[in-house]
PDB file of N, CA and C in Angstrom:
ATOM      1  N   UNK A   1     146.904  62.639 116.224  1.00  0.00           N
ATOM      2  CA  UNK A   1     145.381  63.095 115.147  1.00  0.00           C
ATOM      3  C   UNK A   1     144.634  63.662 116.142  1.00  0.00           C
ATOM      4  N   UNK A   2     144.854  63.580 117.391  1.00  0.00           N
ATOM      5  CA  UNK A   2     143.648  64.141 118.677  1.00  0.00           C
ATOM      6  C   UNK A   2     143.983  65.906 118.850  1.00  0.00           C
ATOM      7  N   UNK A   3     145.316  65.699 119.092  1.00  0.00           N
ATOM      8  CA  UNK A   3     145.093  67.312 119.085  1.00  0.00           C
ATOM      9  C   UNK A   3     144.671  68.601 117.940  1.00  0.00           C
ATOM     10  N   UNK A   4     144.598  68.443 117.202  1.00  0.00           N
ATOM     11  CA  UNK A   4     144.349  69.067 115.667  1.00  0.00           C
ATOM     12  C   UNK A   4     142.611  69.160 116.277  1.00  0.00           C
ATOM     13  N   UNK A   5     142.331  67.997 116.650  1.00  0.00           N
ATOM     14  CA  UNK A   5     140.452  67.828 116.573  1.00  0.00           C
ATOM     15  C   UNK A   5     139.856  68.566 117.815  1.00  0.00           C
ATOM     16  N   UNK A   6     141.086  68.600 118.783  1.00  0.00           N
ATOM     17  CA  UNK A   6     141.230  69.800 120.001  1.00  0.00           C
ATOM     18  C   UNK A   6     141.520  70.854 119.518  1.00  0.00           C
ATOM     19  N   UNK A   7     141.601  71.331 118.646  1.00  0.00           N
ATOM     20  CA  UNK A   7     142.381  72.782 118.002  1.00  0.00           C
ATOM     21  C   UNK A   7     140.597  73.104 117.504  1.00  0.00           C
ATOM     22  N   UNK A   8     140.597  72.362 116.524  1.00  0.00           N
ATOM     23  CA  UNK A   8     139.446  72.619 115.725  1.00  0.00           C
ATOM     24  C   UNK A   8     137.842  73.242 116.890  1.00  0.00           C
ATOM     25  N   UNK A   9     138.131  72.073 117.327  1.00  0.00           N
ATOM     26  CA  UNK A   9     136.832  71.849 118.121  1.00  0.00           C
ATOM     27  C   UNK A   9     136.815  73.550 119.202  1.00  0.00           C
ATOM     28  N   UNK A  10     138.524  74.048 119.234  1.00  0.00           N
ATOM     29  CA  UNK A  10     138.058  74.771 120.750  1.00  0.00           C
ATOM     30  C   UNK A  10     137.827  76.467 119.565  1.00  0.00           C
ATOM     31  N   UNK A  11     138.573  76.393 118.105  1.00  0.00           N
ATOM     32  CA  UNK A  11     138.273  77.652 117.574  1.00  0.00           C
ATOM     33  C   UNK A  11     136.884  78.023 117.422  1.00  0.00           C
ATOM     34  N   UNK A  12     136.560  76.547 116.915  1.00  0.00           N
ATOM     35  CA  UNK A  12     134.244  76.977 116.690  1.00  0.00           C
ATOM     36  C   UNK A  12     133.599  76.942 118.251  1.00  0.00           C
ATOM     37  N   UNK A  13     134.520  76.243 118.391  1.00  0.00           N
ATOM     38  CA  UNK A  13     134.076  76.973 120.184  1.00  0.00           C
ATOM     39  C   UNK A  13     134.032  78.663 120.672  1.00  0.00           C
ATOM     40  N   UNK A  14     134.571  79.201 120.063  1.00  0.00           N
ATOM     41  CA  UNK A  14     135.469  80.062 120.009  1.00  0.00           C
ATOM     42  C   UNK A  14     134.435  81.257 119.520  1.00  0.00           C
ATOM     43  N   UNK A  15     134.315  80.774 118.511  1.00  0.00           N
ATOM     44  CA  UNK A  15     133.162  81.467 117.023  1.00  0.00           C
ATOM     45  C   UNK A  15     131.989  81.887 117.874  1.00  0.00           C
ATOM     46  N   UNK A  16     131.560  80.370 118.369  1.00  0.00           N
ATOM     47  CA  UNK A  16     130.387  80.282 118.675  1.00  0.00           C
ATOM     48  C   UNK A  16     130.123  81.073 120.238  1.00  0.00           C
ATOM     49  N   UNK A  17     130.750  80.653 120.897  1.00  0.00           N
ATOM     50  CA  UNK A  17     130.592  81.938 122.019  1.00  0.00           C
ATOM     51  C   UNK A  17     130.439  83.254 121.333  1.00  0.00           C
ATOM     52  N   UNK A  18     131.316  83.924 120.020  1.00  0.00           N
ATOM     53  CA  UNK A  18     131.798  85.376 120.025  1.00  0.00           C
ATOM     54  C   UNK A  18     129.835  86.116 119.716  1.00  0.00           C
ATOM     55  N   UNK A  19     129.619  84.831 118.602  1.00  0.00           N
ATOM     56  CA  UNK A  19     128.220  84.428 118.111  1.00  0.00           C
ATOM     57  C   UNK A  19     127.232  84.462 119.229  1.00  0.00           C
ATOM     58  N   UNK A  20     127.067  84.420 120.143  1.00  0.00           N
ATOM     59  CA  UNK A  20     126.355  84.262 121.114  1.00  0.00           C
ATOM     60  C   UNK A  20     126.701  85.539 121.746  1.00  0.00           C
ATOM     61  N   UNK A  21     127.721  85.499 122.284  1.00  0.00           N
ATOM     62  CA  UNK A  21     127.731  87.205 122.939  1.00  0.00           C
ATOM     63  C   UNK A  21     127.288  88.363 122.428  1.00  0.00           C
ATOM     64  N   UNK A  22     127.416  88.088 120.784  1.00  0.00           N
ATOM     65  CA  UNK A  22     126.590  89.148 119.806  1.00  0.00           C
ATOM     66  C   UNK A  22     125.779  89.654 120.118  1.00  0.00           C
ATOM     67  N   UNK A  23     124.359  88.274 119.630  1.00  0.00           N
ATOM     68  CA  UNK A  23     123.548  87.732 120.024  1.00  0.00           C
ATOM     69  C   UNK A  23     123.062  88.385 121.257  1.00  0.00           C
ATOM     70  N   UNK A  24     123.767  88.178 122.278  1.00  0.00           N
ATOM     71  CA  UNK A  24     123.312  88.139 123.759  1.00  0.00           C
ATOM     72  C   UNK A  24     123.347  89.791 123.956  1.00  0.00           C
ATOM     73  N   UNK A  25     124.056  91.091 123.762  1.00  0.00           N
ATOM     74  CA  UNK A  25     123.873  91.954 123.418  1.00  0.00           C
ATOM     75  C   UNK A  25     122.561  92.932 122.710  1.00  0.00           C
ATOM     76  N   UNK A  26     122.663  92.392 121.596  1.00  0.00           N
ATOM     77  CA  UNK A  26     121.731  92.662 120.811  1.00  0.00           C
ATOM     78  C   UNK A  26     120.243  92.842 121.414  1.00  0.00           C
ATOM     79  N   UNK A  27     120.492  91.717 121.766  1.00  0.00           N
ATOM     80  CA  UNK A  27     118.819  91.356 122.184  1.00  0.00           C
ATOM     81  C   UNK A  27     118.529  92.370 123.785  1.00  0.00           C
ATOM     82  N   UNK A  28     119.730  92.119 124.906  1.00  0.00           N
ATOM     83  CA  UNK A  28     119.641  93.492 125.483  1.00  0.00           C
ATOM     84  C   UNK A  28     119.699  94.681 125.290  1.00  0.00           C
ATOM     85  N   UNK A  29     119.948  95.048 124.182  1.00  0.00           N
ATOM     86  CA  UNK A  29     119.699  96.629 123.813  1.00  0.00           C
ATOM     87  C   UNK A  29     118.374  97.000 123.515  1.00  0.00           C
ATOM     88  N   UNK A  30     117.869  95.863 122.680  1.00  0.00           N
ATOM     89  CA  UNK A  30     116.742  95.799 122.147  1.00  0.00           C
ATOM     90  C   UNK A  30     115.576  95.831 123.459  1.00  0.00           C
ATOM     91  N   UNK A  31     115.834  94.712 124.147  1.00  0.00           N
ATOM     92  CA  UNK A  31     114.658  94.985 125.403  1.00  0.00           C
ATOM     93  C   UNK A  31     114.609  96.253 126.557  1.00  0.00           C
ATOM     94  N   UNK A  32     115.550  96.400 126.368  1.00  0.00           N
ATOM     95  CA  UNK A  32     116.151  97.904 127.040  1.00  0.00           C
ATOM     96  C   UNK A  32     115.919  99.071 126.132  1.00  0.00           C
ATOM     97  N   UNK A  33     115.285  98.814 125.201  1.00  0.00           N
ATOM     98  CA  UNK A  33     114.712  99.894 124.759  1.00  0.00           C
ATOM     99  C   UNK A  33     113.503 100.207 124.595  1.00  0.00           C
ATOM    100  N   UNK A  34     112.743  98.920 124.382  1.00  0.00           N
ATOM    101  CA  UNK A  34     111.295  98.591 124.231  1.00  0.00           C
ATOM    102  C   UNK A  34     110.184  98.773 125.504  1.00  0.00           C
ATOM    103  N   UNK A  35     111.949  98.314 126.741  1.00  0.00           N
ATOM    104  CA  UNK A  35     111.226  98.490 128.803  1.00  0.00           C
ATOM    105  C   UNK A  35     111.079 100.019 128.223  1.00  0.00           C
ATOM    106  N   UNK A  36     112.044 100.963 128.149  1.00  0.00           N
ATOM    107  CA  UNK A  36     111.836 102.507 128.010  1.00  0.00           C
ATOM    108  C   UNK A  36     110.759 102.502 127.372  1.00  0.00           C
ATOM    109  N   UNK A  37     110.463 102.469 126.603  1.00  0.00           N
ATOM    110  CA  UNK A  37     109.521 102.881 125.430  1.00  0.00           C
ATOM    111  C   UNK A  37     108.715 102.377 126.191  1.00  0.00           C
ATOM    112  N   UNK A  38     108.417 101.501 126.598  1.00  0.00           N
ATOM    113  CA  UNK A  38     106.387 101.086 127.298  1.00  0.00           C
ATOM    114  C   UNK A  38     106.616 101.683 128.345  1.00  0.00           C
ATOM    115  N   UNK A  39     107.345 101.847 128.927  1.00  0.00           N
ATOM    116  CA  UNK A  39     107.635 102.722 130.433  1.00  0.00           C
ATOM    117  C   UNK A  39     107.286 103.589 130.475  1.00  0.00           C
ATOM    118  N   UNK A  40     107.960 104.728 129.280  1.00  0.00           N
ATOM    119  CA  UNK A  40     107.394 106.242 129.218  1.00  0.00           C
ATOM    120  C   UNK A  40     105.712 106.036 128.305  1.00  0.00           C
ATOM    121  N   UNK A  41     105.743 105.204 128.095  1.00  0.00           N
ATOM    122  CA  UNK A  41     103.635 105.038 126.791  1.00  0.00           C
ATOM    123  C   UNK A  41     102.664 105.005 128.295  1.00  0.00           C
ATOM    124  N   UNK A  42     103.419 104.042 129.043  1.00  0.00           N
ATOM    125  CA  UNK A  42     102.839 103.591 130.430  1.00  0.00           C
ATOM    126  C   UNK A  42     102.708 104.850 131.086  1.00  0.00           C
ATOM    127  N   UNK A  43     103.769 105.287 131.713  1.00  0.00           N
ATOM    128  CA  UNK A  43     103.615 106.574 132.458  1.00  0.00           C
ATOM    129  C   UNK A  43     102.800 108.016 131.644  1.00  0.00           C
ATOM    130  N   UNK A  44     102.499 108.075 129.954  1.00  0.00           N
ATOM    131  CA  UNK A  44     102.205 109.112 129.556  1.00  0.00           C
ATOM    132  C   UNK A  44     100.516 108.926 129.816  1.00  0.00           C
ATOM    133  N   UNK A  45     100.123 107.385 129.766  1.00  0.00           N
ATOM    134  CA  UNK A  45      99.016 107.491 129.620  1.00  0.00           C
ATOM    135  C   UNK A  45      98.199 107.640 131.576  1.00  0.00           C
ATOM    136  N   UNK A  46      99.449 106.913 132.415  1.00  0.00           N
ATOM    137  CA  UNK A  46      99.046 107.051 133.650  1.00  0.00           C
ATOM    138  C   UNK A  46      98.434 109.166 134.291  1.00  0.00           C
ATOM    139  N   UNK A  47      99.496 109.810 133.317  1.00  0.00           N
ATOM    140  CA  UNK A  47      99.262 110.838 134.014  1.00  0.00           C
ATOM    141  C   UNK A  47      98.341 111.218 132.713  1.00  0.00           C
ATOM    142  N   UNK A  48      97.876 111.047 131.380  1.00  0.00           N
ATOM    143  CA  UNK A  48      96.799 111.931 131.242  1.00  0.00           C
ATOM    144  C   UNK A  48      95.509 111.829 131.602  1.00  0.00           C
ATOM    145  N   UNK A  49      95.278 110.093 132.094  1.00  0.00           N
ATOM    146  CA  UNK A  49      94.277 109.662 132.900  1.00  0.00           C
ATOM    147  C   UNK A  49      93.993 110.360 133.977  1.00  0.00           C
ATOM    148  N   UNK A  50      94.982 110.192 134.748  1.00  0.00           N
ATOM    149  CA  UNK A  50      94.827 111.118 135.927  1.00  0.00           C
ATOM    150  C   UNK A  50      94.812 112.216 135.960  1.00  0.00           C
ATOM    151  N   UNK A  51      95.346 113.113 135.158  1.00  0.00           N
ATOM    152  CA  UNK A  51      94.783 114.837 134.831  1.00  0.00           C
ATOM    153  C   UNK A  51      92.849 114.953 134.284  1.00  0.00           C
ATOM    154  N   UNK A  52      92.753 113.834 133.720  1.00  0.00           N
ATOM    155  CA  UNK A  52      91.597 113.758 133.191  1.00  0.00           C
ATOM    156  C   UNK A  52      90.644 113.799 134.123  1.00  0.00           C
ATOM    157  N   UNK A  53      90.553 113.157 134.689  1.00  0.00           N
ATOM    158  CA  UNK A  53      89.868 112.357 136.038  1.00  0.00           C
ATOM    159  C   UNK A  53      89.069 111.321 135.891  1.00  0.00           C
ATOM    160  N   UNK A  54      90.022 110.282 134.487  1.00  0.00           N
ATOM    161  CA  UNK A  54      89.170 109.106 133.621  1.00  0.00           C
ATOM    162  C   UNK A  54      90.361 107.645 134.599  1.00  0.00           C
ATOM    163  N   UNK A  55      89.706 106.833 133.763  1.00  0.00           N
ATOM    164  CA  UNK A  55      90.756 105.524 133.880  1.00  0.00           C
ATOM    165  C   UNK A  55      90.861 105.176 133.131  1.00  0.00           C
ATOM    166  N   UNK A  56      91.663 104.215 133.359  1.00  0.00           N
ATOM    167  CA  UNK A  56      93.550 104.069 132.171  1.00  0.00           C
ATOM    168  C   UNK A  56      92.914 102.905 132.158  1.00  0.00           C
ATOM    169  N   UNK A  57      91.666 102.782 131.669  1.00  0.00           N
ATOM    170  CA  UNK A  57      91.318 101.610 130.691  1.00  0.00           C
ATOM    171  C   UNK A  57      91.453 101.119 129.372  1.00  0.00           C
ATOM    172  N   UNK A  58      91.666 100.443 128.493  1.00  0.00           N
ATOM    173  CA  UNK A  58      91.350 101.087 126.679  1.00  0.00           C
ATOM    174  C   UNK A  58      89.938 101.541 126.760  1.00  0.00           C
ATOM    175  N   UNK A  59      88.937 100.846 127.285  1.00  0.00           N
ATOM    176  CA  UNK A  59      87.278 101.459 127.141  1.00  0.00           C
ATOM    177  C   UNK A  59      87.127 102.684 127.124  1.00  0.00           C
ATOM    178  N   UNK A  60      88.340 103.687 127.596  1.00  0.00           N
ATOM    179  CA  UNK A  60      88.199 105.007 128.460  1.00  0.00           C
ATOM    180  C   UNK A  60      88.915 105.850 127.108  1.00  0.00           C
ATOM    181  N   UNK A  61      89.951 105.097 127.065  1.00  0.00           N
ATOM    182  CA  UNK A  61      90.844 106.065 125.939  1.00  0.00           C
ATOM    183  C   UNK A  61      90.344 105.941 124.827  1.00  0.00           C
ATOM    184  N   UNK A  62      89.490 104.680 124.297  1.00  0.00           N
ATOM    185  CA  UNK A  62      88.996 104.794 122.812  1.00  0.00           C
ATOM    186  C   UNK A  62      88.130 105.713 122.775  1.00  0.00           C
ATOM    187  N   UNK A  63      87.346 105.986 123.914  1.00  0.00           N
ATOM    188  CA  UNK A  63      86.056 106.335 123.608  1.00  0.00           C
ATOM    189  C   UNK A  63      86.960 108.170 123.905  1.00  0.00           C
ATOM    190  N   UNK A  64      87.080 108.395 124.413  1.00  0.00           N
ATOM    191  CA  UNK A  64      88.415 109.650 124.312  1.00  0.00           C
ATOM    192  C   UNK A  64      88.971 110.205 123.055  1.00  0.00           C
ATOM    193  N   UNK A  65      89.327 109.022 122.183  1.00  0.00           N
ATOM    194  CA  UNK A  65      90.309 109.416 121.370  1.00  0.00           C
ATOM    195  C   UNK A  65      88.960 109.311 119.801  1.00  0.00           C
ATOM    196  N   UNK A  66      87.815 108.710 120.377  1.00  0.00           N
ATOM    197  CA  UNK A  66      86.563 109.354 119.555  1.00  0.00           C
ATOM    198  C   UNK A  66      85.792 110.424 119.749  1.00  0.00           C
ATOM    199  N   UNK A  67      86.095 110.610 120.792  1.00  0.00           N
ATOM    200  CA  UNK A  67      85.267 112.254 120.969  1.00  0.00           C
ATOM    201  C   UNK A  67      86.009 113.373 121.145  1.00  0.00           C
ATOM    202  N   UNK A  68      87.666 113.096 120.617  1.00  0.00           N
ATOM    203  CA  UNK A  68      88.485 113.721 120.541  1.00  0.00           C
ATOM    204  C   UNK A  68      88.447 114.182 118.389  1.00  0.00           C
ATOM    205  N   UNK A  69      88.116 112.501 117.747  1.00  0.00           N
ATOM    206  CA  UNK A  69      87.954 113.231 116.791  1.00  0.00           C
ATOM    207  C   UNK A  69      86.483 113.326 115.823  1.00  0.00           C
ATOM    208  N   UNK A  70      85.715 113.304 116.357  1.00  0.00           N
ATOM    209  CA  UNK A  70      83.977 113.787 116.532  1.00  0.00           C
ATOM    210  C   UNK A  70      84.650 115.200 116.791  1.00  0.00           C
ATOM    211  N   UNK A  71      85.266 116.037 118.000  1.00  0.00           N
ATOM    212  CA  UNK A  71      85.276 117.359 118.175  1.00  0.00           C
ATOM    213  C   UNK A  71      85.890 118.085 116.456  1.00  0.00           C
ATOM    214  N   UNK A  72      86.976 117.173 116.171  1.00  0.00           N
ATOM    215  CA  UNK A  72      88.139 117.705 115.653  1.00  0.00           C
ATOM    216  C   UNK A  72      87.354 117.951 114.650  1.00  0.00           C
ATOM    217  N   UNK A  73      86.890 117.282 113.843  1.00  0.00           N
ATOM    218  CA  UNK A  73      85.190 116.609 112.673  1.00  0.00           C
ATOM    219  C   UNK A  73      84.718 118.424 112.558  1.00  0.00           C
ATOM    220  N   UNK A  74      84.376 118.468 113.623  1.00  0.00           N
ATOM    221  CA  UNK A  74      83.500 119.207 113.965  1.00  0.00           C
ATOM    222  C   UNK A  74      84.139 120.742 113.459  1.00  0.00           C
ATOM    223  N   UNK A  75      85.627 121.263 114.058  1.00  0.00           N
ATOM    224  CA  UNK A  75      86.557 122.287 113.750  1.00  0.00           C
ATOM    225  C   UNK A  75      86.169 122.185 112.242  1.00  0.00           C
ATOM    226  N   UNK A  76      87.284 121.003 111.861  1.00  0.00           N
ATOM    227  CA  UNK A  76      87.050 121.098 110.663  1.00  0.00           C
ATOM    228  C   UNK A  76      85.430 121.788 110.064  1.00  0.00           C
ATOM    229  N   UNK A  77      84.942 120.730 109.985  1.00  0.00           N
ATOM    230  CA  UNK A  77      83.320 121.780 109.454  1.00  0.00           C
ATOM    231  C   UNK A  77      83.326 122.557 109.041  1.00  0.00           C
ATOM    232  N   UNK A  78      83.701 123.972 110.508  1.00  0.00           N
ATOM    233  CA  UNK A  78      83.801 124.975 110.575  1.00  0.00           C
ATOM    234  C   UNK A  78      84.662 125.840 109.746  1.00  0.00           C
ATOM    235  N   UNK A  79      85.582 124.996 109.548  1.00  0.00           N
ATOM    236  CA  UNK A  79      86.570 125.356 108.779  1.00  0.00           C
ATOM    237  C   UNK A  79      86.160 125.979 107.225  1.00  0.00           C
ATOM    238  N   UNK A  80      85.127 124.699 107.002  1.00  0.00           N
ATOM    239  CA  UNK A  80      85.288 124.400 105.604  1.00  0.00           C
ATOM    240  C   UNK A  80      83.622 125.339 105.942  1.00  0.00           C
ATOM    241  N   UNK A  81      83.101 125.739 106.059  1.00  0.00           N
ATOM    242  CA  UNK A  81      82.305 126.934 105.652  1.00  0.00           C
ATOM    243  C   UNK A  81      80.835 126.025 106.363  1.00  0.00           C
ATOM    244  N   UNK A  82      80.594 124.614 107.124  1.00  0.00           N
ATOM    245  CA  UNK A  82      79.706 123.808 107.140  1.00  0.00           C
ATOM    246  C   UNK A  82      78.666 124.353 108.730  1.00  0.00           C
ATOM    247  N   UNK A  83      77.893 125.282 109.201  1.00  0.00           N
ATOM    248  CA  UNK A  83      77.216 125.561 109.731  1.00  0.00           C
ATOM    249  C   UNK A  83      76.514 124.425 111.089  1.00  0.00           C
ATOM    250  N   UNK A  84      76.057 123.821 110.234  1.00  0.00           N
ATOM    251  CA  UNK A  84      75.225 123.280 110.991  1.00  0.00           C
ATOM    252  C   UNK A  84      76.246 121.855 111.082  1.00  0.00           C
ATOM    253  N   UNK A  85      76.639 121.524 110.251  1.00  0.00           N
ATOM    254  CA  UNK A  85      77.535 119.592 110.409  1.00  0.00           C
ATOM    255  C   UNK A  85      78.967 120.219 111.643  1.00  0.00           C
ATOM    256  N   UNK A  86      78.692 121.563 111.732  1.00  0.00           N
ATOM    257  CA  UNK A  86      80.379 122.079 112.771  1.00  0.00           C
ATOM    258  C   UNK A  86      79.489 121.941 114.313  1.00  0.00           C
ATOM    259  N   UNK A  87      78.576 122.720 113.937  1.00  0.00           N
ATOM    260  CA  UNK A  87      77.729 122.645 115.501  1.00  0.00           C
ATOM    261  C   UNK A  87      77.144 121.562 115.798  1.00  0.00           C
ATOM    262  N   UNK A  88      76.544 120.330 115.337  1.00  0.00           N
ATOM    263  CA  UNK A  88      76.193 118.883 115.148  1.00  0.00           C
ATOM    264  C   UNK A  88      77.408 117.916 116.393  1.00  0.00           C
ATOM    265  N   UNK A  89      78.314 118.330 115.119  1.00  0.00           N
ATOM    266  CA  UNK A  89      79.689 117.464 115.189  1.00  0.00           C
ATOM    267  C   UNK A  89      80.785 117.954 116.575  1.00  0.00           C
ATOM    268  N   UNK A  90      80.520 119.469 116.787  1.00  0.00           N
ATOM    269  CA  UNK A  90      80.751 119.747 117.763  1.00  0.00           C
ATOM    270  C   UNK A  90      80.487 119.596 119.199  1.00  0.00           C
ATOM    271  N   UNK A  91      79.188 119.997 119.087  1.00  0.00           N
ATOM    272  CA  UNK A  91      77.970 119.745 120.134  1.00  0.00           C
ATOM    273  C   UNK A  91      78.624 117.866 120.374  1.00  0.00           C
ATOM    274  N   UNK A  92      78.437 117.194 119.643  1.00  0.00           N
ATOM    275  CA  UNK A  92      78.047 115.449 120.021  1.00  0.00           C
ATOM    276  C   UNK A  92      79.749 114.840 120.311  1.00  0.00           C
ATOM    277  N   UNK A  93      80.874 115.649 119.838  1.00  0.00           N
ATOM    278  CA  UNK A  93      82.254 115.424 120.552  1.00  0.00           C
ATOM    279  C   UNK A  93      82.010 116.244 122.138  1.00  0.00           C
ATOM    280  N   UNK A  94      81.694 117.010 122.136  1.00  0.00           N
ATOM    281  CA  UNK A  94      81.926 117.641 123.558  1.00  0.00           C
ATOM    282  C   UNK A  94      81.086 116.937 124.451  1.00  0.00           C
ATOM    283  N   UNK A  95      79.222 116.147 123.711  1.00  0.00           N
ATOM    284  CA  UNK A  95      78.527 115.396 125.135  1.00  0.00           C
ATOM    285  C   UNK A  95      79.998 114.458 124.824  1.00  0.00           C
ATOM    286  N   UNK A  96      80.284 113.719 124.442  1.00  0.00           N
ATOM    287  CA  UNK A  96      80.868 112.455 124.845  1.00  0.00           C
ATOM    288  C   UNK A  96      82.043 112.787 125.535  1.00  0.00           C
ATOM    289  N   UNK A  97      82.704 113.768 125.709  1.00  0.00           N
ATOM    290  CA  UNK A  97      84.558 113.984 126.389  1.00  0.00           C
ATOM    291  C   UNK A  97      83.263 114.517 128.407  1.00  0.00           C
ATOM    292  N   UNK A  98      82.376 115.050 127.325  1.00  0.00           N
ATOM    293  CA  UNK A  98      82.399 115.537 129.161  1.00  0.00           C
ATOM    294  C   UNK A  98      81.380 114.190 129.936  1.00  0.00           C
ATOM    295  N   UNK A  99      81.133 113.850 129.144  1.00  0.00           N
ATOM    296  CA  UNK A  99      80.461 111.920 130.413  1.00  0.00           C
ATOM    297  C   UNK A  99      81.533 111.489 129.775  1.00  0.00           C
ATOM    298  N   UNK A 100      82.621 111.115 129.465  1.00  0.00           N
ATOM    299  CA  UNK A 100      84.046 110.831 129.468  1.00  0.00           C
ATOM    300  C   UNK A 100      84.565 111.495 131.000  1.00  0.00           C
ATOM    301  N   UNK A 101      84.618 112.746 131.881  1.00  0.00           N
ATOM    302  CA  UNK A 101      84.723 112.788 132.307  1.00  0.00           C
ATOM    303  C   UNK A 101      84.045 113.233 134.179  1.00  0.00           C
ATOM    304  N   UNK A 102      82.983 112.773 133.657  1.00  0.00           N
ATOM    305  CA  UNK A 102      82.283 112.876 134.487  1.00  0.00           C
ATOM    306  C   UNK A 102      83.004 111.834 135.828  1.00  0.00           C
TER     307      UNK A 102
END
């Protein structure tokens, strides 16, 4: 009776190894993709902040995004025909961006 038990254990052992290998391949694949993605994102942020002459801190990036959104809002206001709102938003956006790059 022992030889049948050994064969059953060998069968389930191989199934477990196969499933474990498949899971390991999937995890290594996803790890490689996300590592490359976050590495590329980090390089992008480094290049962007270096070309603008700002720090690569979260605060600097957040101020940059807010300044660009305000500037974009000013351009949209000009396209809608709102001269005063366009001037105000454009000047505010330019002020924020120039303060950031000082």
